[in-house]
Amino acid sequence: MNTLDQEQLQTILREIDSRLSQGILPVHNGHLQDVSQKEETLEYLLLMKKEGLISGDLITKGANSTPYRMTNIRLTYLGIRVLRS
């Protein structure tokens, strides 16, 4: 997880957890716009999904399947452990 800024990672995980605790479903990257810039947030979410910290559905657009949005974001067991540490 060296490619992720740990402070930003914790902030995003806390925000996801907060939204889930409030019963806001489905959580998507639009809910996380206050945390960082839109493009940066999606990039972080993609890296966090690759690292196994979150799960979610990636929505792409265009012929080259450019990542556009992530929805149904949930914390994995590993993500919860990292958040609590």
PDB file of N, CA and C in Angstrom:
ATOM      1  N   MET A   1       0.817  -1.199   0.000  1.00  0.00           N
ATOM      2  CA  MET A   1       0.000   0.000   0.000  1.00  0.00           C
ATOM      3  C   MET A   1       0.860   1.263   0.000  1.00  0.00           C
ATOM      4  N   ASN A   2       2.067   1.166  -0.465  1.00  0.00           N
ATOM      5  CA  ASN A   2       2.962   2.319  -0.498  1.00  0.00           C
ATOM      6  C   ASN A   2       2.478   3.413  -1.434  1.00  0.00           C
ATOM      7  N   THR A   3       1.666   3.072  -2.431  1.00  0.00           N
ATOM      8  CA  THR A   3       1.224   4.056  -3.406  1.00  0.00           C
ATOM      9  C   THR A   3       0.111   4.954  -2.872  1.00  0.00           C
ATOM     10  N   LEU A   4      -0.419   4.631  -1.708  1.00  0.00           N
ATOM     11  CA  LEU A   4      -1.509   5.413  -1.142  1.00  0.00           C
ATOM     12  C   LEU A   4      -1.008   6.278   0.009  1.00  0.00           C
ATOM     13  N   ASP A   5      -1.425   7.528   0.025  1.00  0.00           N
ATOM     14  CA  ASP A   5      -1.161   8.408   1.151  1.00  0.00           C
ATOM     15  C   ASP A   5      -2.006   7.909   2.314  1.00  0.00           C
ATOM     16  N   GLN A   6      -1.372   7.491   3.390  1.00  0.00           N
ATOM     17  CA  GLN A   6      -2.076   6.860   4.496  1.00  0.00           C
ATOM     18  C   GLN A   6      -3.101   7.784   5.156  1.00  0.00           C
ATOM     19  N   GLU A   7      -2.802   9.063   5.248  1.00  0.00           N
ATOM     20  CA  GLU A   7      -3.754  10.005   5.845  1.00  0.00           C
ATOM     21  C   GLU A   7      -5.004  10.121   4.971  1.00  0.00           C
ATOM     22  N   GLN A   8      -4.801  10.230   3.666  1.00  0.00           N
ATOM     23  CA  GLN A   8      -5.927  10.312   2.734  1.00  0.00           C
ATOM     24  C   GLN A   8      -6.721   9.014   2.752  1.00  0.00           C
ATOM     25  N   LEU A   9      -6.033   7.893   2.806  1.00  0.00           N
ATOM     26  CA  LEU A   9      -6.681   6.594   2.864  1.00  0.00           C
ATOM     27  C   LEU A   9      -7.592   6.513   4.087  1.00  0.00           C
ATOM     28  N   GLN A  10      -7.082   6.901   5.247  1.00  0.00           N
ATOM     29  CA  GLN A  10      -7.886   6.874   6.477  1.00  0.00           C
ATOM     30  C   GLN A  10      -9.091   7.799   6.370  1.00  0.00           C
ATOM     31  N   THR A  11      -8.894   8.961   5.774  1.00  0.00           N
ATOM     32  CA  THR A  11      -9.993   9.917   5.612  1.00  0.00           C
ATOM     33  C   THR A  11     -11.103   9.324   4.749  1.00  0.00           C
ATOM     34  N   ILE A  12     -10.730   8.704   3.645  1.00  0.00           N
ATOM     35  CA  ILE A  12     -11.721   8.107   2.751  1.00  0.00           C
ATOM     36  C   ILE A  12     -12.424   6.936   3.432  1.00  0.00           C
ATOM     37  N   LEU A  13     -11.664   6.089   4.130  1.00  0.00           N
ATOM     38  CA  LEU A  13     -12.276   4.965   4.837  1.00  0.00           C
ATOM     39  C   LEU A  13     -13.258   5.454   5.902  1.00  0.00           C
ATOM     40  N   ARG A  14     -12.881   6.498   6.634  1.00  0.00           N
ATOM     41  CA  ARG A  14     -13.780   7.055   7.659  1.00  0.00           C
ATOM     42  C   ARG A  14     -15.060   7.595   7.030  1.00  0.00           C
ATOM     43  N   GLU A  15     -14.922   8.263   5.901  1.00  0.00           N
ATOM     44  CA  GLU A  15     -16.090   8.834   5.231  1.00  0.00           C
ATOM     45  C   GLU A  15     -17.019   7.731   4.713  1.00  0.00           C
ATOM     46  N   ILE A  16     -16.454   6.677   4.157  1.00  0.00           N
ATOM     47  CA  ILE A  16     -17.266   5.545   3.709  1.00  0.00           C
ATOM     48  C   ILE A  16     -17.988   4.929   4.899  1.00  0.00           C
ATOM     49  N   ASP A  17     -17.267   4.692   5.975  1.00  0.00           N
ATOM     50  CA  ASP A  17     -17.853   4.111   7.184  1.00  0.00           C
ATOM     51  C   ASP A  17     -18.963   5.002   7.731  1.00  0.00           C
ATOM     52  N   SER A  18     -18.747   6.302   7.722  1.00  0.00           N
ATOM     53  CA  SER A  18     -19.741   7.246   8.211  1.00  0.00           C
ATOM     54  C   SER A  18     -21.018   7.175   7.376  1.00  0.00           C
ATOM     55  N   ARG A  19     -20.868   7.160   6.062  1.00  0.00           N
ATOM     56  CA  ARG A  19     -22.033   7.078   5.169  1.00  0.00           C
ATOM     57  C   ARG A  19     -22.800   5.772   5.383  1.00  0.00           C
ATOM     58  N   LEU A  20     -22.065   4.673   5.513  1.00  0.00           N
ATOM     59  CA  LEU A  20     -22.711   3.387   5.740  1.00  0.00           C
ATOM     60  C   LEU A  20     -23.435   3.375   7.085  1.00  0.00           C
ATOM     61  N   SER A  21     -22.820   3.953   8.115  1.00  0.00           N
ATOM     62  CA  SER A  21     -23.432   4.017   9.445  1.00  0.00           C
ATOM     63  C   SER A  21     -24.697   4.857   9.447  1.00  0.00           C
ATOM     64  N   GLN A  22     -24.738   5.875   8.589  1.00  0.00           N
ATOM     65  CA  GLN A  22     -25.916   6.733   8.477  1.00  0.00           C
ATOM     66  C   GLN A  22     -27.018   6.090   7.645  1.00  0.00           C
ATOM     67  N   GLY A  23     -26.718   4.940   7.045  1.00  0.00           N
ATOM     68  CA  GLY A  23     -27.700   4.245   6.223  1.00  0.00           C
ATOM     69  C   GLY A  23     -27.840   4.809   4.824  1.00  0.00           C
ATOM     70  N   ILE A  24     -26.841   5.566   4.389  1.00  0.00           N
ATOM     71  CA  ILE A  24     -26.858   6.128   3.033  1.00  0.00           C
ATOM     72  C   ILE A  24     -26.379   5.051   2.070  1.00  0.00           C
ATOM     73  N   LEU A  25     -27.302   4.554   1.264  1.00  0.00           N
ATOM     74  CA  LEU A  25     -26.980   3.480   0.333  1.00  0.00           C
ATOM     75  C   LEU A  25     -27.546   3.803  -1.034  1.00  0.00           C
ATOM     76  N   PRO A  26     -26.925   3.452  -2.099  1.00  0.00           N
ATOM     77  CA  PRO A  26     -25.568   2.925  -2.147  1.00  0.00           C
ATOM     78  C   PRO A  26     -24.553   4.063  -2.048  1.00  0.00           C
ATOM     79  N   VAL A  27     -23.462   3.798  -1.377  1.00  0.00           N
ATOM     80  CA  VAL A  27     -22.380   4.787  -1.301  1.00  0.00           C
ATOM     81  C   VAL A  27     -21.670   4.797  -2.646  1.00  0.00           C
ATOM     82  N   HIS A  28     -21.420   5.981  -3.183  1.00  0.00           N
ATOM     83  CA  HIS A  28     -20.699   6.093  -4.452  1.00  0.00           C
ATOM     84  C   HIS A  28     -19.664   7.210  -4.334  1.00  0.00           C
ATOM     85  N   ASN A  29     -18.793   7.318  -5.326  1.00  0.00           N
ATOM     86  CA  ASN A  29     -17.701   8.283  -5.249  1.00  0.00           C
ATOM     87  C   ASN A  29     -18.195   9.722  -5.156  1.00  0.00           C
ATOM     88  N   GLY A  30     -19.404  10.013  -5.600  1.00  0.00           N
ATOM     89  CA  GLY A  30     -19.964  11.349  -5.462  1.00  0.00           C
ATOM     90  C   GLY A  30     -20.148  11.763  -4.009  1.00  0.00           C
ATOM     91  N   HIS A  31     -20.370  10.790  -3.135  1.00  0.00           N
ATOM     92  CA  HIS A  31     -20.496  11.087  -1.707  1.00  0.00           C
ATOM     93  C   HIS A  31     -19.164  11.524  -1.096  1.00  0.00           C
ATOM     94  N   LEU A  32     -18.081  11.261  -1.774  1.00  0.00           N
ATOM     95  CA  LEU A  32     -16.746  11.507  -1.224  1.00  0.00           C
ATOM     96  C   LEU A  32     -16.086  12.740  -1.831  1.00  0.00           C
ATOM     97  N   GLN A  33     -16.835  13.578  -2.525  1.00  0.00           N
ATOM     98  CA  GLN A  33     -16.261  14.751  -3.190  1.00  0.00           C
ATOM     99  C   GLN A  33     -15.661  15.739  -2.206  1.00  0.00           C
ATOM    100  N   ASP A  34     -16.190  15.814  -0.993  1.00  0.00           N
ATOM    101  CA  ASP A  34     -15.655  16.747  -0.001  1.00  0.00           C
ATOM    102  C   ASP A  34     -14.270  16.324   0.494  1.00  0.00           C
ATOM    103  N   VAL A  35     -13.940  15.057   0.314  1.00  0.00           N
ATOM    104  CA  VAL A  35     -12.676  14.516   0.807  1.00  0.00           C
ATOM    105  C   VAL A  35     -11.508  14.945  -0.078  1.00  0.00           C
ATOM    106  N   SER A  36     -11.698  14.909  -1.379  1.00  0.00           N
ATOM    107  CA  SER A  36     -10.648  15.306  -2.323  1.00  0.00           C
ATOM    108  C   SER A  36     -11.286  15.574  -3.682  1.00  0.00           C
ATOM    109  N   GLN A  37     -10.460  15.913  -4.650  1.00  0.00           N
ATOM    110  CA  GLN A  37     -10.959  16.185  -5.992  1.00  0.00           C
ATOM    111  C   GLN A  37     -11.566  14.920  -6.599  1.00  0.00           C
ATOM    112  N   LYS A  38     -12.521  15.108  -7.483  1.00  0.00           N
ATOM    113  CA  LYS A  38     -13.263  13.993  -8.060  1.00  0.00           C
ATOM    114  C   LYS A  38     -12.345  12.936  -8.691  1.00  0.00           C
ATOM    115  N   GLU A  39     -11.419  13.363  -9.528  1.00  0.00           N
ATOM    116  CA  GLU A  39     -10.531  12.418 -10.218  1.00  0.00           C
ATOM    117  C   GLU A  39      -9.627  11.705  -9.220  1.00  0.00           C
ATOM    118  N   GLU A  40      -9.125  12.448  -8.245  1.00  0.00           N
ATOM    119  CA  GLU A  40      -8.237  11.867  -7.243  1.00  0.00           C
ATOM    120  C   GLU A  40      -8.990  10.852  -6.386  1.00  0.00           C
ATOM    121  N   THR A  41     -10.234  11.147  -6.036  1.00  0.00           N
ATOM    122  CA  THR A  41     -11.030  10.229  -5.228  1.00  0.00           C
ATOM    123  C   THR A  41     -11.247   8.923  -5.966  1.00  0.00           C
ATOM    124  N   LEU A  42     -11.618   8.987  -7.226  1.00  0.00           N
ATOM    125  CA  LEU A  42     -11.839   7.772  -7.997  1.00  0.00           C
ATOM    126  C   LEU A  42     -10.550   6.964  -8.111  1.00  0.00           C
ATOM    127  N   GLU A  43      -9.434   7.644  -8.304  1.00  0.00           N
ATOM    128  CA  GLU A  43      -8.143   6.961  -8.377  1.00  0.00           C
ATOM    129  C   GLU A  43      -7.844   6.237  -7.067  1.00  0.00           C
ATOM    130  N   TYR A  44      -8.078   6.917  -5.942  1.00  0.00           N
ATOM    131  CA  TYR A  44      -7.875   6.291  -4.639  1.00  0.00           C
ATOM    132  C   TYR A  44      -8.792   5.086  -4.461  1.00  0.00           C
ATOM    133  N   LEU A  45     -10.054   5.236  -4.848  1.00  0.00           N
ATOM    134  CA  LEU A  45     -10.998   4.133  -4.698  1.00  0.00           C
ATOM    135  C   LEU A  45     -10.569   2.923  -5.523  1.00  0.00           C
ATOM    136  N   LEU A  46     -10.090   3.166  -6.729  1.00  0.00           N
ATOM    137  CA  LEU A  46      -9.617   2.059  -7.569  1.00  0.00           C
ATOM    138  C   LEU A  46      -8.422   1.358  -6.928  1.00  0.00           C
ATOM    139  N   LEU A  47      -7.501   2.127  -6.379  1.00  0.00           N
ATOM    140  CA  LEU A  47      -6.337   1.534  -5.707  1.00  0.00           C
ATOM    141  C   LEU A  47      -6.746   0.793  -4.441  1.00  0.00           C
ATOM    142  N   MET A  48      -7.697   1.363  -3.697  1.00  0.00           N
ATOM    143  CA  MET A  48      -8.172   0.717  -2.468  1.00  0.00           C
ATOM    144  C   MET A  48      -8.892  -0.585  -2.787  1.00  0.00           C
ATOM    145  N   LYS A  49      -9.625  -0.612  -3.893  1.00  0.00           N
ATOM    146  CA  LYS A  49     -10.295  -1.846  -4.313  1.00  0.00           C
ATOM    147  C   LYS A  49      -9.255  -2.889  -4.694  1.00  0.00           C
ATOM    148  N   LYS A  50      -8.235  -2.469  -5.407  1.00  0.00           N
ATOM    149  CA  LYS A  50      -7.162  -3.389  -5.814  1.00  0.00           C
ATOM    150  C   LYS A  50      -6.439  -3.960  -4.597  1.00  0.00           C
ATOM    151  N   GLU A  51      -6.279  -3.139  -3.546  1.00  0.00           N
ATOM    152  CA  GLU A  51      -5.608  -3.580  -2.319  1.00  0.00           C
ATOM    153  C   GLU A  51      -6.520  -4.419  -1.423  1.00  0.00           C
ATOM    154  N   GLY A  52      -7.821  -4.478  -1.750  1.00  0.00           N
ATOM    155  CA  GLY A  52      -8.749  -5.290  -0.981  1.00  0.00           C
ATOM    156  C   GLY A  52      -9.346  -4.583   0.226  1.00  0.00           C
ATOM    157  N   LEU A  53      -9.241  -3.256   0.276  1.00  0.00           N
ATOM    158  CA  LEU A  53      -9.778  -2.501   1.408  1.00  0.00           C
ATOM    159  C   LEU A  53     -11.266  -2.211   1.257  1.00  0.00           C
ATOM    160  N   ILE A  54     -11.729  -2.123   0.029  1.00  0.00           N
ATOM    161  CA  ILE A  54     -13.141  -1.865  -0.253  1.00  0.00           C
ATOM    162  C   ILE A  54     -13.587  -2.776  -1.385  1.00  0.00           C
ATOM    163  N   SER A  55     -14.887  -2.875  -1.506  1.00  0.00           N
ATOM    164  CA  SER A  55     -15.455  -3.524  -2.691  1.00  0.00           C
ATOM    165  C   SER A  55     -16.458  -2.547  -3.266  1.00  0.00           C
ATOM    166  N   GLY A  56     -16.783  -2.715  -4.510  1.00  0.00           N
ATOM    167  CA  GLY A  56     -17.723  -1.819  -5.163  1.00  0.00           C
ATOM    168  C   GLY A  56     -17.816  -2.143  -6.638  1.00  0.00           C
ATOM    169  N   ASP A  57     -18.773  -1.513  -7.272  1.00  0.00           N
ATOM    170  CA  ASP A  57     -19.008  -1.731  -8.697  1.00  0.00           C
ATOM    171  C   ASP A  57     -18.451  -0.554  -9.491  1.00  0.00           C
ATOM    172  N   LEU A  58     -17.598  -0.848 -10.444  1.00  0.00           N
ATOM    173  CA  LEU A  58     -16.996   0.176 -11.285  1.00  0.00           C
ATOM    174  C   LEU A  58     -17.851   0.385 -12.523  1.00  0.00           C
ATOM    175  N   ILE A  59     -18.180   1.620 -12.785  1.00  0.00           N
ATOM    176  CA  ILE A  59     -18.941   1.984 -13.978  1.00  0.00           C
ATOM    177  C   ILE A  59     -17.966   2.671 -14.937  1.00  0.00           C
ATOM    178  N   THR A  60     -17.925   2.187 -16.162  1.00  0.00           N
ATOM    179  CA  THR A  60     -17.026   2.750 -17.168  1.00  0.00           C
ATOM    180  C   THR A  60     -17.857   3.357 -18.290  1.00  0.00           C
ATOM    181  N   LYS A  61     -17.182   4.147 -19.104  1.00  0.00           N
ATOM    182  CA  LYS A  61     -17.882   4.706 -20.266  1.00  0.00           C
ATOM    183  C   LYS A  61     -16.915   4.790 -21.428  1.00  0.00           C
ATOM    184  N   GLY A  62     -17.478   4.853 -22.609  1.00  0.00           N
ATOM    185  CA  GLY A  62     -16.679   4.980 -23.820  1.00  0.00           C
ATOM    186  C   GLY A  62     -16.180   3.650 -24.344  1.00  0.00           C
ATOM    187  N   ALA A  63     -15.651   3.715 -25.547  1.00  0.00           N
ATOM    188  CA  ALA A  63     -15.149   2.515 -26.213  1.00  0.00           C
ATOM    189  C   ALA A  63     -13.930   1.938 -25.510  1.00  0.00           C
ATOM    190  N   ASN A  64     -13.169   2.810 -24.821  1.00  0.00           N
ATOM    191  CA  ASN A  64     -11.967   2.325 -24.134  1.00  0.00           C
ATOM    192  C   ASN A  64     -12.220   2.001 -22.670  1.00  0.00           C
ATOM    193  N   SER A  65     -13.488   1.981 -22.238  1.00  0.00           N
ATOM    194  CA  SER A  65     -13.882   1.614 -20.876  1.00  0.00           C
ATOM    195  C   SER A  65     -13.160   2.430 -19.804  1.00  0.00           C
ATOM    196  N   THR A  66     -13.174   3.733 -19.952  1.00  0.00           N
ATOM    197  CA  THR A  66     -12.563   4.631 -18.981  1.00  0.00           C
ATOM    198  C   THR A  66     -13.368   4.605 -17.690  1.00  0.00           C
ATOM    199  N   PRO A  67     -12.700   4.407 -16.522  1.00  0.00           N
ATOM    200  CA  PRO A  67     -13.424   4.432 -15.243  1.00  0.00           C
ATOM    201  C   PRO A  67     -14.140   5.774 -15.077  1.00  0.00           C
ATOM    202  N   TYR A  68     -15.426   5.697 -14.740  1.00  0.00           N
ATOM    203  CA  TYR A  68     -16.250   6.890 -14.646  1.00  0.00           C
ATOM    204  C   TYR A  68     -16.780   7.103 -13.229  1.00  0.00           C
ATOM    205  N   ARG A  69     -17.164   6.014 -12.601  1.00  0.00           N
ATOM    206  CA  ARG A  69     -17.801   6.121 -11.295  1.00  0.00           C
ATOM    207  C   ARG A  69     -17.696   4.788 -10.572  1.00  0.00           C
ATOM    208  N   MET A  70     -17.695   4.846  -9.243  1.00  0.00           N
ATOM    209  CA  MET A  70     -17.754   3.627  -8.455  1.00  0.00           C
ATOM    210  C   MET A  70     -18.955   3.747  -7.525  1.00  0.00           C
ATOM    211  N   THR A  71     -19.744   2.702  -7.479  1.00  0.00           N
ATOM    212  CA  THR A  71     -20.945   2.706  -6.651  1.00  0.00           C
ATOM    213  C   THR A  71     -21.002   1.420  -5.826  1.00  0.00           C
ATOM    214  N   ASN A  72     -21.936   1.358  -4.906  1.00  0.00           N
ATOM    215  CA  ASN A  72     -22.066   0.210  -3.995  1.00  0.00           C
ATOM    216  C   ASN A  72     -20.770  -0.036  -3.224  1.00  0.00           C
ATOM    217  N   ILE A  73     -20.133   1.035  -2.780  1.00  0.00           N
ATOM    218  CA  ILE A  73     -18.860   0.928  -2.075  1.00  0.00           C
ATOM    219  C   ILE A  73     -19.118   0.413  -0.662  1.00  0.00           C
ATOM    220  N   ARG A  74     -18.363  -0.613  -0.296  1.00  0.00           N
ATOM    221  CA  ARG A  74     -18.451  -1.208   1.026  1.00  0.00           C
ATOM    222  C   ARG A  74     -17.049  -1.468   1.546  1.00  0.00           C
ATOM    223  N   LEU A  75     -16.892  -1.418   2.849  1.00  0.00           N
ATOM    224  CA  LEU A  75     -15.616  -1.761   3.458  1.00  0.00           C
ATOM    225  C   LEU A  75     -15.500  -3.276   3.528  1.00  0.00           C
ATOM    226  N   THR A  76     -14.340  -3.798   3.204  1.00  0.00           N
ATOM    227  CA  THR A  76     -14.082  -5.223   3.384  1.00  0.00           C
ATOM    228  C   THR A  76     -13.590  -5.426   4.813  1.00  0.00           C
ATOM    229  N   TYR A  77     -13.422  -6.663   5.193  1.00  0.00           N
ATOM    230  CA  TYR A  77     -12.899  -6.958   6.531  1.00  0.00           C
ATOM    231  C   TYR A  77     -11.541  -6.293   6.718  1.00  0.00           C
ATOM    232  N   LEU A  78     -10.690  -6.380   5.690  1.00  0.00           N
ATOM    233  CA  LEU A  78      -9.373  -5.744   5.762  1.00  0.00           C
ATOM    234  C   LEU A  78      -9.516  -4.233   5.890  1.00  0.00           C
ATOM    235  N   GLY A  79     -10.450  -3.649   5.153  1.00  0.00           N
ATOM    236  CA  GLY A  79     -10.684  -2.204   5.239  1.00  0.00           C
ATOM    237  C   GLY A  79     -11.125  -1.779   6.627  1.00  0.00           C
ATOM    238  N   ILE A  80     -11.979  -2.578   7.251  1.00  0.00           N
ATOM    239  CA  ILE A  80     -12.428  -2.279   8.616  1.00  0.00           C
ATOM    240  C   ILE A  80     -11.251  -2.363   9.584  1.00  0.00           C
ATOM    241  N   ARG A  81     -10.412  -3.362   9.420  1.00  0.00           N
ATOM    242  CA  ARG A  81      -9.222  -3.510  10.296  1.00  0.00           C
ATOM    243  C   ARG A  81      -8.284  -2.321  10.136  1.00  0.00           C
ATOM    244  N   VAL A  82      -8.049  -1.889   8.911  1.00  0.00           N
ATOM    245  CA  VAL A  82      -7.167  -0.741   8.675  1.00  0.00           C
ATOM    246  C   VAL A  82      -7.788   0.524   9.274  1.00  0.00           C
ATOM    247  N   LEU A  83      -9.086   0.684   9.145  1.00  0.00           N
ATOM    248  CA  LEU A  83      -9.776   1.838   9.700  1.00  0.00           C
ATOM    249  C   LEU A  83      -9.662   1.878  11.218  1.00  0.00           C
ATOM    250  N   ARG A  84      -9.776   0.727  11.854  1.00  0.00           N
ATOM    251  CA  ARG A  84      -9.748   0.649  13.317  1.00  0.00           C
ATOM    252  C   ARG A  84      -8.342   0.733  13.900  1.00  0.00           C
ATOM    253  N   SER A  85      -7.328   0.565  13.065  1.00  0.00           N
ATOM    254  CA  SER A  85      -5.944   0.578  13.585  1.00  0.00           C
ATOM    255  C   SER A  85      -5.391   1.979  13.718  1.00  0.00           C
TER     256      SER A  85
END
